[in-house]
Protein backbone atom coordinates (compact mmCIF):
# COMPACT_ATOMS: atom_id res chain seq x y z
CA UNK A 1 0.00 0.00 -0.01
CA UNK A 2 2.80 2.40 0.86
CA UNK A 3 4.49 1.92 -2.54
CA UNK A 4 1.19 2.57 -4.34
CA UNK A 5 0.61 5.77 -2.37
CA UNK A 6 4.15 6.96 -3.02
CA UNK A 7 3.62 6.25 -6.69
CA UNK A 8 0.38 8.23 -6.80
CA UNK A 9 1.81 11.22 -4.92
CA UNK A 10 5.17 11.34 -6.72
CA UNK A 11 6.20 14.32 -8.81
CA UNK A 12 5.78 14.53 -12.56
CA UNK A 13 2.82 14.72 -14.92
CA UNK A 14 2.63 11.08 -15.86
CA UNK A 15 3.77 7.76 -14.33
CA UNK A 16 2.81 4.16 -15.03
CA UNK A 17 3.25 1.25 -12.63
CA UNK A 18 2.81 -2.40 -13.59
CA UNK A 19 1.36 -4.64 -10.86
CA UNK A 20 2.39 -8.22 -11.61
CA UNK A 21 1.08 -11.38 -9.93
CA UNK A 22 -0.35 -14.80 -10.78
CA UNK A 23 -4.08 -15.47 -10.59
CA UNK A 24 -5.35 -15.74 -7.05
CA UNK A 25 -2.68 -13.46 -5.56
CA UNK A 26 -5.29 -10.77 -4.80
CA UNK A 27 -3.86 -8.03 -7.03
CA UNK A 28 -7.22 -6.71 -8.24
CA UNK A 29 -8.67 -6.79 -4.72
CA UNK A 30 -5.65 -4.94 -3.31
CA UNK A 31 -5.74 -2.20 -5.93
CA UNK A 32 -9.54 -1.81 -5.67
CA UNK A 33 -9.32 -1.30 -1.90
CA UNK A 34 -6.34 1.05 -2.13
CA UNK A 35 -7.84 3.27 -4.83
CA UNK A 36 -10.96 4.00 -2.77
CA UNK A 37 -9.02 6.83 -1.15
CA UNK A 38 -8.75 8.50 -4.57
CA UNK A 39 -12.29 7.81 -5.72
CA UNK A 40 -14.81 10.57 -5.23
CA UNK A 41 -17.53 7.92 -4.88
CA UNK A 42 -15.84 6.40 -1.86
CA UNK A 43 -14.13 9.50 -0.49
CA UNK A 44 -16.06 12.76 -0.78
CA UNK A 45 -12.92 14.74 0.01
CA UNK A 46 -10.90 13.31 -2.87
CA UNK A 47 -9.63 15.78 -5.43
CA UNK A 48 -8.84 12.98 -7.89
CA UNK A 49 -10.71 11.27 -10.69
CA UNK A 50 -10.27 7.51 -10.31
CA UNK A 51 -11.55 4.55 -12.30
CA UNK A 52 -10.83 1.05 -13.50
CA UNK A 53 -10.97 -0.48 -16.99
CA UNK A 54 -11.55 -4.23 -17.16
CA UNK A 55 -11.57 -6.71 -20.02
CA UNK A 56 -15.26 -7.51 -19.50
CA UNK A 57 -16.34 -4.01 -20.50
CA UNK A 58 -17.80 -3.43 -23.94
CA UNK A 59 -15.75 -2.77 -27.06
CA UNK A 60 -16.11 1.00 -26.77
CA UNK A 61 -14.03 0.94 -23.54
CA UNK A 62 -11.09 -0.30 -25.58
CA UNK A 63 -11.30 2.50 -28.16
CA UNK A 64 -8.23 4.77 -27.87
CA UNK A 65 -9.84 7.75 -29.67
CA UNK A 66 -11.68 9.24 -26.64
CA UNK A 67 -8.42 9.15 -24.68
CA UNK A 68 -6.59 10.88 -27.50
CA UNK A 69 -9.04 13.82 -27.09
CA UNK A 70 -9.25 13.60 -23.31
CA UNK A 71 -9.63 16.96 -21.52
CA UNK A 72 -7.65 16.46 -18.29
CA UNK A 73 -9.28 18.62 -15.57
CA UNK A 74 -8.14 16.89 -12.35
CA UNK A 75 -5.43 14.64 -11.00
CA UNK A 76 -6.42 11.26 -12.40
CA UNK A 77 -5.81 7.65 -11.41
CA UNK A 78 -6.56 5.00 -14.06
CA UNK A 79 -6.30 1.25 -13.44
CA UNK A 80 -6.36 -1.24 -16.32
CA UNK A 81 -7.09 -4.72 -15.06
CA UNK A 82 -5.29 -6.95 -17.62
CA UNK A 83 -3.85 -5.20 -20.62
CA UNK A 84 -5.11 -7.63 -23.28
CA UNK A 85 -6.79 -5.50 -25.99
CA UNK A 86 -5.90 -2.30 -24.13
CA UNK A 87 -2.47 -1.63 -25.69
CA UNK A 88 -3.73 1.24 -27.83
CA UNK A 89 -5.58 2.73 -24.86
CA UNK A 90 -2.37 2.66 -22.80
CA UNK A 91 -0.53 4.48 -25.56
CA UNK A 92 -3.30 7.08 -25.97
CA UNK A 93 -3.46 7.80 -22.22
CA UNK A 94 0.29 8.17 -21.98
CA UNK A 95 0.65 10.39 -25.04
CA UNK A 96 -2.20 12.64 -23.95
CA UNK A 97 -0.90 12.99 -20.38
CA UNK A 98 2.68 13.74 -21.42
CA UNK A 99 2.01 16.02 -24.39
CA UNK A 100 -0.51 18.18 -22.56
CA UNK A 101 1.19 18.27 -19.17
CA UNK A 102 2.54 21.81 -19.70
CA UNK A 103 -1.07 22.98 -20.22
CA UNK A 104 -3.07 21.33 -17.51
CA UNK A 105 -0.53 20.81 -14.70
CA UNK A 106 -2.41 17.76 -13.33
CA UNK A 107 -0.99 14.37 -12.47
CA UNK A 108 -2.02 11.25 -14.40
CA UNK A 109 -1.17 7.90 -12.81
CA UNK A 110 -1.74 4.67 -14.69
CA UNK A 111 -1.64 1.24 -13.05
CA UNK A 112 -1.65 -1.82 -15.31
CA UNK A 113 -2.46 -5.19 -13.72
CA UNK A 114 -1.30 -8.37 -15.37
CA UNK A 115 0.31 -11.78 -14.92
CA UNK A 116 3.50 -10.69 -16.65
CA UNK A 117 5.09 -7.41 -17.63
CA UNK A 118 2.72 -5.99 -20.28
CA UNK A 119 4.18 -6.18 -23.76
CA UNK A 120 3.30 -2.57 -24.56
CA UNK A 121 5.66 -1.41 -21.81
CA UNK A 122 8.54 -3.26 -23.47
CA UNK A 123 8.04 -1.56 -26.82
CA UNK A 124 10.78 0.86 -27.60
CA UNK A 125 8.78 2.84 -30.15
CA UNK A 126 6.12 3.46 -27.52
CA UNK A 127 8.52 5.24 -25.18
CA UNK A 128 10.20 7.10 -27.98
CA UNK A 129 6.81 8.18 -29.22
CA UNK A 130 6.20 9.99 -25.92
CA UNK A 131 9.22 12.17 -26.66
CA UNK A 132 7.97 13.03 -30.12
CA UNK A 133 11.17 11.90 -31.80
CA UNK A 134 13.71 9.13 -32.24
CA UNK A 135 15.68 9.79 -29.06
CA UNK A 136 16.76 7.10 -26.66
CA UNK A 137 13.84 5.42 -24.92
CA UNK A 138 15.89 4.71 -21.76
CA UNK A 139 15.54 8.25 -20.47
CA UNK A 140 11.79 8.27 -20.97
CA UNK A 141 11.31 4.92 -19.31
CA UNK A 142 13.20 6.35 -16.34
CA UNK A 143 10.97 9.44 -16.36
CA UNK A 144 7.63 7.70 -16.74
CA UNK A 145 7.90 4.00 -15.79
CA UNK A 146 7.78 2.99 -12.15
CA UNK A 147 9.49 -0.21 -11.02
CA UNK A 148 6.88 -2.99 -11.10
CA UNK A 149 5.10 -4.09 -7.95
CA UNK A 150 5.16 -7.90 -7.72
CA UNK A 151 2.73 -9.74 -5.50
CA UNK A 152 3.08 -13.32 -4.40
CA UNK A 153 0.10 -15.62 -3.68
CA UNK A 154 -0.55 -16.80 -0.17
CA UNK A 155 1.73 -19.65 0.88
CA UNK A 156 -1.24 -21.84 1.73
CA UNK A 157 -4.21 -21.32 -0.52
CA UNK A 158 -5.65 -24.76 0.07
CA UNK A 159 -9.09 -23.59 1.18
CA UNK A 160 -9.48 -21.50 -1.97
CA UNK A 161 -8.31 -24.35 -4.24
CA UNK A 162 -10.65 -26.81 -2.46
CA UNK A 163 -13.63 -24.51 -3.13
CA UNK A 164 -12.64 -24.11 -6.76
CA UNK A 165 -12.33 -27.89 -7.23
CA UNK A 166 -15.77 -28.45 -5.74
CA UNK A 167 -17.38 -25.56 -7.71
CA UNK A 168 -15.85 -26.79 -11.01
CA UNK A 169 -17.11 -30.30 -10.33
CA UNK A 170 -20.60 -28.97 -9.61
CA UNK A 171 -20.53 -26.89 -12.78
CA UNK A 172 -19.79 -30.12 -14.64
CA UNK A 173 -22.84 -31.78 -13.12
CA UNK A 174 -21.25 -33.56 -10.17
CA UNK A 175 -21.69 -33.00 -6.42
CA UNK A 176 -18.19 -34.11 -5.41
CA UNK A 177 -17.77 -35.59 -1.95
CA UNK A 178 -15.33 -34.09 0.51
CA UNK A 179 -13.12 -37.11 0.02
CA UNK A 180 -13.07 -36.72 -3.76
CA UNK A 181 -12.19 -33.07 -3.45
CA UNK A 182 -9.46 -33.81 -0.96
CA UNK A 183 -8.01 -36.51 -3.25
CA UNK A 184 -8.01 -34.07 -6.14
CA UNK A 185 -6.24 -31.42 -4.06
CA UNK A 186 -3.71 -33.99 -2.83
CA UNK A 187 -2.85 -34.92 -6.40
CA UNK A 188 -2.51 -31.26 -7.29
CA UNK A 189 0.03 -31.05 -4.45
CA UNK A 190 1.92 -34.09 -5.78
CA UNK A 191 2.10 -32.49 -9.20
CA UNK A 192 3.30 -29.27 -7.62
CA UNK A 193 6.14 -31.04 -5.86
CA UNK A 194 7.58 -31.95 -9.25
CA UNK A 195 7.80 -28.28 -10.26
CA UNK A 196 10.50 -25.81 -9.43
CA UNK A 197 7.75 -23.36 -8.40
CA UNK A 198 4.73 -24.89 -6.68
CA UNK A 199 2.44 -21.99 -7.56
CA UNK A 200 2.50 -22.88 -11.23
CA UNK A 201 0.37 -25.93 -10.32
CA UNK A 202 -1.28 -24.86 -7.07
CA UNK A 203 -3.18 -22.39 -9.18
CA UNK A 204 -6.93 -21.66 -9.62
CA UNK A 205 -6.83 -22.70 -13.27
CA UNK A 206 -5.47 -26.19 -12.52
CA UNK A 207 -7.78 -26.56 -9.52
CA UNK A 208 -10.71 -25.92 -11.91
CA UNK A 209 -9.37 -28.51 -14.34
CA UNK A 210 -9.06 -31.04 -11.48
CA UNK A 211 -12.64 -30.32 -10.52
CA UNK A 212 -13.81 -30.97 -14.09
CA UNK A 213 -12.06 -34.30 -14.09
CA UNK A 214 -14.26 -35.47 -11.17
CA UNK A 215 -17.35 -35.61 -13.37
CA UNK A 216 -16.29 -39.05 -14.68
CA UNK A 217 -15.77 -41.55 -11.83
CA UNK A 218 -13.90 -43.85 -14.23
CA UNK A 219 -11.11 -41.33 -14.79
CA UNK A 220 -7.92 -42.19 -12.87
CA UNK A 221 -5.92 -38.99 -12.52
CA UNK A 222 -3.46 -40.41 -9.99
CA UNK A 223 -0.65 -40.46 -12.53
CA UNK A 224 -1.56 -37.30 -14.39
CA UNK A 225 0.87 -34.47 -14.94
CA UNK A 226 -0.01 -30.84 -15.47
CA UNK A 227 0.15 -31.45 -19.23
CA UNK A 228 -2.33 -34.32 -18.89
CA UNK A 229 -4.78 -31.97 -17.17
CA UNK A 230 -4.63 -29.49 -20.04
CA UNK A 231 -4.98 -32.24 -22.66
CA UNK A 232 -7.98 -33.63 -20.83
CA UNK A 233 -9.63 -30.19 -21.03
CA UNK A 234 -8.89 -29.74 -24.74
CA UNK A 235 -10.25 -33.22 -25.50
CA UNK A 236 -13.67 -32.36 -24.05
CA UNK A 237 -16.54 -31.53 -26.35
CA UNK A 238 -18.24 -29.12 -23.97
CA UNK A 239 -15.29 -26.91 -23.11
CA UNK A 240 -15.99 -23.16 -23.03
CA UNK A 241 -14.82 -21.19 -26.07
CA UNK A 242 -12.17 -18.51 -25.64
CA UNK A 243 -14.32 -15.55 -26.68
CA UNK A 244 -13.37 -11.91 -26.37
CA UNK A 245 -15.86 -9.29 -25.31
CA UNK A 246 -16.40 -8.20 -28.93
CA UNK A 247 -17.25 -11.73 -30.00
CA UNK A 248 -14.01 -12.49 -31.93
CA UNK A 249 -13.84 -16.07 -30.84
CA UNK A 250 -11.54 -17.32 -33.58
CA UNK A 251 -8.84 -14.74 -32.97
CA UNK A 252 -8.82 -15.30 -29.27
CA UNK A 253 -8.87 -19.07 -29.63
CA UNK A 254 -5.91 -18.90 -31.99
CA UNK A 255 -3.89 -16.93 -29.50
CA UNK A 256 -4.71 -19.39 -26.74
CA UNK A 257 -3.81 -22.32 -28.95
CA UNK A 258 -0.47 -20.73 -29.81
CA UNK A 259 0.23 -20.34 -26.11
CA UNK A 260 -0.57 -24.03 -25.67
CA UNK A 261 1.73 -25.03 -28.52
CA UNK A 262 4.51 -22.94 -27.02
CA UNK A 263 4.07 -24.92 -23.78
CA UNK A 264 4.11 -28.21 -25.71
CA UNK A 265 0.38 -28.84 -25.55
CA UNK A 266 -1.28 -29.36 -28.94
CA UNK A 267 -4.73 -27.82 -29.37
CA UNK A 268 -7.63 -30.06 -30.19
CA UNK A 269 -9.10 -29.97 -33.67
CA UNK A 270 -12.63 -29.48 -32.43
CA UNK A 271 -14.68 -26.34 -33.11
CA UNK A 272 -14.42 -23.31 -30.89
């Protein structure tokens, strides 16, 4: 919390801070609670504008044009919860804040939440673009980019994983017994022991996949690896499609399939 407040109150017209953490680490909850101090809705004495952009908003929220014409009238805090499809918005916010800073004199603070360092913040042309010319981007990263805040998940998230396993099983049409859920969690722990980092398996996504596997009592997952879990999901005929908010299922599915191929997991040939 202290680092976030220091970031918001720091000098300069524009700063951006990445908040990086795996799913289940509580990054969105932490930022949402912290930013209440800056939100006029939660704090009537706040002199800031504060808001959050999320991937489940409609397509218009990901349109950079309104930000390119944004009239900055107050100190402003913007949070983008997962940067997928928001790259152009990030650029528009940054360019508007920097290029008009000599006119309005207000602070603009941008927090981007993601699992990894957002690609847009690695792009050299983005930082050079803020300077309006082909000068070194290093200086401008130093001026505008705050060191990322990395959050780690709780050491023991067993209760959360247990609930996810049970909920995923129920969503698949099965009321899993406590014993079945415990067995599934125990196997998740065994798979985690084989990894250099346990959190890559003790993760909400894999807990959900374990829960789905409980729908078929004939399935023996006692020897499964993490890869087997993913393959089992892709082999199902009722899996959920990877659909973006604007309905572009094929593009999103392709990107997810490529991520799977990169990890050594072939996508299924079924329809999305």
